[in-house]
Amino acid sequence: MTIELETSDTSVRYAIGIDLGGTFIKAGVVDSKGKLYNQFEIESYSEVSPQKVMSQIVVAIKELQNKFKREISGIGIGSPGIVTNGVVKYPPNFRNWKEVKLGHEIEKKFATRVFLNNDAKCAGLAELKFGHGKKYNDFIFLTLGTGIGGAIFIDGKLYPGEQNGAGEFGMTSINFNGPDFKAGNKGAIEAYVGRRNFLKTEKKLITKLGKYIDFKELADLASKNNKTAKELFKKYGFYLGVALTNYFNLMDVRTAVLGGGISNCYKYFISKCNKTIKERSLKTIRNEFRVLRSELSNNAGVLGAAAQVFGP
């Protein structure tokens, strides 16, 4: 499958894009005109060690190099955590990972240029250039997956923060006395809507549906009008709506774009999410906001990571 995106480039170059997630590494070759080739996915083993994660990234890059025979201009990586000068710092849900010179290690291994940024920022940059950002200059972008990351765009530009850390929406607390989780900040939104945490917290209901239930299975059941699955998505939508209310009220933005794997379940939780925002947000916002699903689906991380190689 190839995906066509708009760009002003006149000459075609190619880059490898790596979207590093807590559960999977997604990879692909992207050209400067926006085509995505040779998609590849492999487990990240984030629960093991930084060395294991890096070895999985190397496997993914080699797999793409073996399949794609044209010259590669560079490698772009989107990673969880704070990313500055090629160093990935304290990515949530990654075991024993403090500060790792990921860019240097991958660059040394492949002797080519490597560009790094936060994974959600990469996905957001792809959305800005190729998705809803073509219509909205001011928006927040959230990735819904194992973790909850994001990016903030003001006047059509990424707001990075002082240390390139702006947009960690998952760390916002919605219950000061809520559940603990290993990334910190008790009662943070990620403890409620992060993939692993939600499945763990709602285990009692989920076990009624079967042994191996994830969001894909929940969506399949909800499509068949299963009451328990629909109730679980209502809970998810409520928690997400509470979080988005805080973000809208704080930043006075009206648009949120949702990416990441769980956004594939958008139609099952969006009604409750919107209802919650209308009930809780400021009057100036409640009748004007919009919560949209990314037009780039789950490919934004790879596209945005690779786009770093091509520049502005």
Protein backbone atom coordinates (compact mmCIF):
# COMPACT_ATOMS: atom_id res chain seq x y z
CA MET A 1 0.00 0.00 0.00
CA THR A 2 1.24 3.52 -0.78
CA ILE A 3 -0.10 6.77 0.61
CA GLU A 4 0.03 9.96 -1.45
CA LEU A 5 0.76 13.21 0.38
CA GLU A 6 1.20 16.74 -0.88
CA THR A 7 4.58 18.43 -0.90
CA SER A 8 6.37 21.16 -2.84
CA ASP A 9 9.54 19.09 -3.38
CA THR A 10 10.52 18.73 -7.05
CA SER A 11 13.23 16.06 -6.67
CA VAL A 12 12.53 12.73 -5.01
CA ARG A 13 14.60 11.52 -2.08
CA TYR A 14 14.00 8.63 0.31
CA ALA A 15 14.22 8.28 4.07
CA ILE A 16 13.51 5.59 6.63
CA GLY A 17 10.95 6.55 9.25
CA ILE A 18 10.85 4.78 12.63
CA ASP A 19 7.90 5.21 14.99
CA LEU A 20 9.06 3.83 18.35
CA GLY A 21 6.13 2.74 20.50
CA GLY A 22 5.89 1.07 23.87
CA THR A 23 4.46 -2.09 22.29
CA PHE A 24 5.56 -2.03 18.63
CA ILE A 25 8.11 -0.35 16.38
CA LYS A 26 6.51 0.75 13.12
CA ALA A 27 8.81 1.49 10.21
CA GLY A 28 8.70 2.35 6.53
CA VAL A 29 10.46 4.10 3.67
CA VAL A 30 8.99 7.51 2.83
CA ASP A 31 9.85 9.61 -0.18
CA SER A 32 9.96 13.41 -0.23
CA LYS A 33 6.72 13.51 -2.21
CA GLY A 34 4.92 11.65 0.56
CA LYS A 35 4.70 8.04 -0.59
CA LEU A 36 5.05 5.34 2.06
CA TYR A 37 6.73 2.09 1.01
CA ASN A 38 7.56 -1.26 2.59
CA GLN A 39 5.78 -0.88 5.91
CA PHE A 40 7.23 -3.11 8.63
CA GLU A 41 6.29 -3.75 12.25
CA ILE A 42 8.18 -5.48 15.06
CA GLU A 43 7.82 -5.72 18.84
CA SER A 44 9.75 -3.06 20.74
CA TYR A 45 10.33 -5.01 23.97
CA SER A 46 10.22 -1.78 25.96
CA GLU A 47 9.74 -3.79 29.14
CA VAL A 48 13.18 -5.43 28.74
CA SER A 49 15.95 -2.82 28.36
CA PRO A 50 17.19 0.11 26.23
CA GLN A 51 19.71 -2.22 24.57
CA LYS A 52 16.94 -4.59 23.50
CA VAL A 53 14.86 -1.73 22.09
CA MET A 54 17.84 -0.45 20.10
CA SER A 55 18.52 -3.92 18.73
CA GLN A 56 14.90 -4.09 17.53
CA ILE A 57 15.27 -0.71 15.80
CA VAL A 58 18.37 -2.05 14.05
CA VAL A 59 16.40 -5.12 12.90
CA ALA A 60 13.66 -2.88 11.46
CA ILE A 61 16.14 -0.65 9.60
CA LYS A 62 18.00 -3.62 8.13
CA GLU A 63 14.72 -5.18 7.03
CA LEU A 64 13.83 -2.01 5.10
CA GLN A 65 17.31 -1.67 3.62
CA ASN A 66 17.13 -5.23 2.34
CA LYS A 67 13.76 -4.64 0.69
CA PHE A 68 14.31 -1.12 -0.65
CA LYS A 69 17.30 -0.92 -2.93
CA ARG A 70 17.38 2.81 -3.70
CA GLU A 71 19.62 5.29 -1.89
CA ILE A 72 18.41 6.40 1.54
CA SER A 73 19.09 10.04 2.50
CA GLY A 74 18.77 9.44 6.21
CA ILE A 75 16.86 7.92 9.10
CA GLY A 76 14.19 9.71 11.11
CA ILE A 77 13.07 8.41 14.49
CA GLY A 78 10.13 9.44 16.64
CA SER A 79 10.53 8.30 20.24
CA PRO A 80 8.53 8.66 23.46
CA GLY A 81 10.03 10.89 26.14
CA ILE A 82 11.93 14.15 25.99
CA VAL A 83 14.24 14.24 22.96
CA THR A 84 17.07 16.79 22.77
CA ASN A 85 20.18 16.65 20.58
CA GLY A 86 19.73 12.99 19.75
CA VAL A 87 19.30 11.96 23.39
CA VAL A 88 16.07 10.26 24.50
CA LYS A 89 15.31 11.02 28.15
CA TYR A 90 13.00 9.04 30.44
CA PRO A 91 10.46 7.69 27.95
CA PRO A 92 7.31 6.56 29.82
CA ASN A 93 6.68 2.80 29.88
CA PHE A 94 10.28 1.97 28.88
CA ARG A 95 12.07 -0.06 31.55
CA ASN A 96 15.45 1.12 32.90
CA TRP A 97 15.64 3.88 30.31
CA LYS A 98 17.04 7.13 31.72
CA GLU A 99 19.04 9.10 29.15
CA VAL A 100 20.14 7.20 26.05
CA LYS A 101 22.12 8.59 23.09
CA LEU A 102 19.86 6.85 20.61
CA GLY A 103 20.72 9.10 17.67
CA HIS A 104 24.45 8.61 18.12
CA GLU A 105 24.14 4.82 18.44
CA ILE A 106 22.00 4.40 15.33
CA GLU A 107 24.12 6.86 13.35
CA LYS A 108 27.26 4.93 14.29
CA LYS A 109 25.66 1.64 13.32
CA PHE A 110 24.52 2.71 9.86
CA ALA A 111 26.93 5.56 9.01
CA THR A 112 24.11 7.84 7.87
CA ARG A 113 22.33 10.93 9.15
CA VAL A 114 19.83 10.28 11.94
CA PHE A 115 17.15 12.76 13.05
CA LEU A 116 15.20 12.39 16.29
CA ASN A 117 12.18 14.01 17.86
CA ASN A 118 9.42 13.03 20.23
CA ASP A 119 7.13 10.47 18.58
CA ALA A 120 3.95 12.45 19.14
CA LYS A 121 5.58 15.60 17.78
CA CYS A 122 6.56 13.68 14.65
CA ALA A 123 2.99 12.46 14.21
CA GLY A 124 1.74 15.97 14.82
CA LEU A 125 4.12 17.42 12.24
CA ALA A 126 2.78 14.97 9.67
CA GLU A 127 -0.75 16.04 10.61
CA LEU A 128 0.17 19.71 10.30
CA LYS A 129 1.57 19.30 6.81
CA PHE A 130 -0.64 16.62 5.34
CA GLY A 131 -3.80 16.36 7.45
CA HIS A 132 -6.16 18.60 9.41
CA GLY A 133 -3.37 21.16 9.84
CA LYS A 134 -4.08 22.33 6.30
CA LYS A 135 -7.35 23.75 7.64
CA TYR A 136 -6.66 24.56 11.30
CA ASN A 137 -3.65 26.64 12.37
CA ASP A 138 -4.25 26.17 16.10
CA PHE A 139 -4.78 22.64 17.37
CA ILE A 140 -3.55 20.00 19.75
CA PHE A 141 -2.57 16.57 18.54
CA LEU A 142 -2.90 13.54 20.82
CA THR A 143 -1.59 10.04 20.25
CA LEU A 144 -3.76 7.42 21.92
CA GLY A 145 -1.80 4.24 22.50
CA THR A 146 0.29 2.59 25.20
CA GLY A 147 1.10 6.12 26.29
CA ILE A 148 -0.67 9.42 25.67
CA GLY A 149 1.63 11.91 23.97
CA GLY A 150 0.96 14.94 21.89
CA ALA A 151 1.98 18.17 20.24
CA ILE A 152 0.78 21.76 20.36
CA PHE A 153 0.47 23.91 17.24
CA ILE A 154 0.04 27.67 17.42
CA ASP A 155 -0.28 29.80 14.26
CA GLY A 156 0.69 26.77 12.19
CA LYS A 157 3.93 26.18 14.10
CA LEU A 158 4.97 23.52 16.59
CA TYR A 159 5.34 24.82 20.14
CA PRO A 160 8.29 22.81 21.54
CA GLY A 161 8.56 24.13 25.11
CA GLU A 162 11.82 25.10 26.82
CA GLN A 163 13.37 21.62 26.53
CA ASN A 164 11.33 20.26 23.62
CA GLY A 165 8.97 18.63 26.10
CA ALA A 166 5.66 20.42 25.48
CA GLY A 167 2.66 18.21 24.74
CA GLU A 168 2.99 15.46 27.36
CA PHE A 169 -0.79 15.39 27.73
CA GLY A 170 -0.78 11.96 29.35
CA MET A 171 0.93 13.35 32.45
CA THR A 172 -1.95 15.72 33.29
CA SER A 173 -3.68 14.61 36.46
CA ILE A 174 -7.49 14.29 36.40
CA ASN A 175 -7.66 12.80 39.90
CA PHE A 176 -5.09 13.97 42.44
CA ASN A 177 -5.77 10.87 44.55
CA GLY A 178 -6.13 8.50 41.59
CA PRO A 179 -4.21 5.37 40.66
CA ASP A 180 -0.43 5.23 40.55
CA PHE A 181 1.37 4.17 37.39
CA LYS A 182 5.03 3.79 36.63
CA ALA A 183 5.40 6.95 34.54
CA GLY A 184 4.55 9.10 37.60
CA ASN A 185 1.98 11.78 38.55
CA LYS A 186 -0.74 9.99 40.48
CA GLY A 187 -4.12 9.99 38.76
CA ALA A 188 -2.71 11.17 35.41
CA ILE A 189 -4.84 10.78 32.30
CA GLU A 190 -2.50 8.08 30.98
CA ALA A 191 -3.44 5.94 33.98
CA TYR A 192 -7.03 6.02 32.66
CA VAL A 193 -6.81 5.98 28.86
CA GLY A 194 -3.35 4.54 28.12
CA ARG A 195 -3.83 1.15 26.48
CA ARG A 196 -2.23 -1.07 29.13
CA ASN A 197 -3.61 0.89 32.06
CA PHE A 198 -7.17 0.97 30.73
CA LEU A 199 -7.19 -2.78 30.03
CA LYS A 200 -5.76 -3.45 33.48
CA THR A 201 -8.12 -1.11 35.34
CA GLU A 202 -11.19 -2.45 33.55
CA LYS A 203 -10.08 -6.07 33.77
CA LYS A 204 -13.18 -7.14 35.69
CA LEU A 205 -15.48 -6.10 32.85
CA ILE A 206 -13.10 -7.16 30.09
CA THR A 207 -12.74 -10.73 31.39
CA LYS A 208 -16.46 -11.17 30.82
CA LEU A 209 -15.76 -10.86 27.11
CA GLY A 210 -12.92 -13.38 26.83
CA LYS A 211 -9.25 -14.07 27.58
CA TYR A 212 -7.48 -12.14 24.83
CA ILE A 213 -9.30 -8.83 24.57
CA ASP A 214 -7.62 -5.68 23.31
CA PHE A 215 -9.08 -2.55 21.70
CA LYS A 216 -9.47 -4.24 18.32
CA GLU A 217 -11.57 -7.00 19.88
CA LEU A 218 -13.55 -4.42 21.88
CA ALA A 219 -14.32 -2.53 18.67
CA ASP A 220 -15.43 -5.74 16.94
CA LEU A 221 -17.76 -6.52 19.83
CA ALA A 222 -19.10 -2.96 19.98
CA SER A 223 -19.87 -3.15 16.26
CA LYS A 224 -22.09 -6.13 17.10
CA ASN A 225 -23.87 -4.09 19.77
CA ASN A 226 -22.25 -5.88 22.72
CA LYS A 227 -23.38 -3.98 25.83
CA THR A 228 -20.22 -4.58 27.85
CA ALA A 229 -17.93 -3.40 25.03
CA LYS A 230 -20.08 -0.31 24.48
CA GLU A 231 -19.99 0.45 28.21
CA LEU A 232 -16.20 0.20 28.21
CA PHE A 233 -15.95 2.67 25.33
CA LYS A 234 -18.28 5.05 27.17
CA LYS A 235 -15.85 4.97 30.11
CA TYR A 236 -12.95 5.63 27.76
CA GLY A 237 -14.78 8.52 26.12
CA PHE A 238 -15.64 10.05 29.49
CA TYR A 239 -12.04 10.00 30.72
CA LEU A 240 -10.76 11.41 27.43
CA GLY A 241 -13.45 14.10 27.49
CA VAL A 242 -12.41 15.20 30.98
CA ALA A 243 -8.81 15.49 29.83
CA LEU A 244 -9.64 17.39 26.64
CA THR A 245 -11.79 19.81 28.61
CA ASN A 246 -8.74 20.72 30.66
CA TYR A 247 -6.60 21.22 27.57
CA PHE A 248 -9.22 23.33 25.75
CA ASN A 249 -9.88 25.50 28.80
CA LEU A 250 -6.19 26.01 29.52
CA MET A 251 -5.00 26.84 25.99
CA ASP A 252 -8.15 28.36 24.49
CA VAL A 253 -7.97 26.09 21.46
CA ARG A 254 -11.04 24.60 19.81
CA THR A 255 -9.56 21.70 17.86
CA ALA A 256 -8.07 18.39 18.93
CA VAL A 257 -6.85 15.75 16.49
CA LEU A 258 -6.54 12.14 17.67
CA GLY A 259 -3.96 9.73 16.31
CA GLY A 260 -2.42 6.49 17.53
CA GLY A 261 -3.81 2.97 17.49
CA ILE A 262 -6.78 3.59 19.78
CA SER A 263 -8.03 6.35 17.46
CA ASN A 264 -9.15 3.48 15.21
CA CYS A 265 -11.97 3.01 17.74
CA TYR A 266 -12.98 6.69 17.39
CA LYS A 267 -16.63 6.09 16.46
CA TYR A 268 -17.25 4.04 19.60
CA PHE A 269 -16.04 6.59 22.16
CA ILE A 270 -16.43 10.00 20.47
CA SER A 271 -20.09 10.56 21.39
CA LYS A 272 -19.41 10.24 25.12
CA CYS A 273 -16.22 12.26 24.75
CA ASN A 274 -18.04 15.17 23.08
CA LYS A 275 -20.89 15.03 25.59
CA THR A 276 -18.42 15.25 28.47
CA ILE A 277 -16.64 18.26 26.96
CA LYS A 278 -19.96 20.08 26.42
CA GLU A 279 -20.88 19.49 30.04
CA ARG A 280 -17.55 20.60 31.50
CA SER A 281 -15.88 23.18 29.27
CA LEU A 282 -16.17 26.97 29.37
CA LYS A 283 -19.26 28.39 27.68
CA THR A 284 -17.11 30.07 25.04
CA ILE A 285 -15.75 26.67 24.02
CA ARG A 286 -18.51 24.12 24.50
CA ASN A 287 -20.42 24.95 21.33
CA GLU A 288 -17.40 25.52 19.06
CA PHE A 289 -14.92 22.73 19.73
CA ARG A 290 -14.13 19.78 17.48
CA VAL A 291 -12.44 16.46 18.23
CA LEU A 292 -11.26 14.92 14.97
CA ARG A 293 -9.65 11.65 14.01
CA SER A 294 -6.34 11.95 12.16
CA GLU A 295 -6.68 11.73 8.40
CA LEU A 296 -3.34 9.91 8.35
CA SER A 297 -4.60 7.12 10.59
CA ASN A 298 -1.82 5.14 12.25
CA ASN A 299 0.87 6.07 9.68
CA ALA A 300 1.49 9.60 10.93
CA GLY A 301 4.36 8.61 13.22
CA VAL A 302 6.35 6.99 10.43
CA LEU A 303 5.58 9.78 7.95
CA GLY A 304 6.49 12.52 10.41
CA ALA A 305 9.67 10.78 11.55
CA ALA A 306 10.92 10.39 7.99
CA ALA A 307 9.93 13.95 7.08
CA GLN A 308 12.59 15.24 9.50
CA VAL A 309 15.23 14.07 7.03
CA PHE A 310 13.84 16.29 4.26
CA GLY A 311 13.73 19.47 6.34
CA PRO A 312 11.01 22.20 6.39
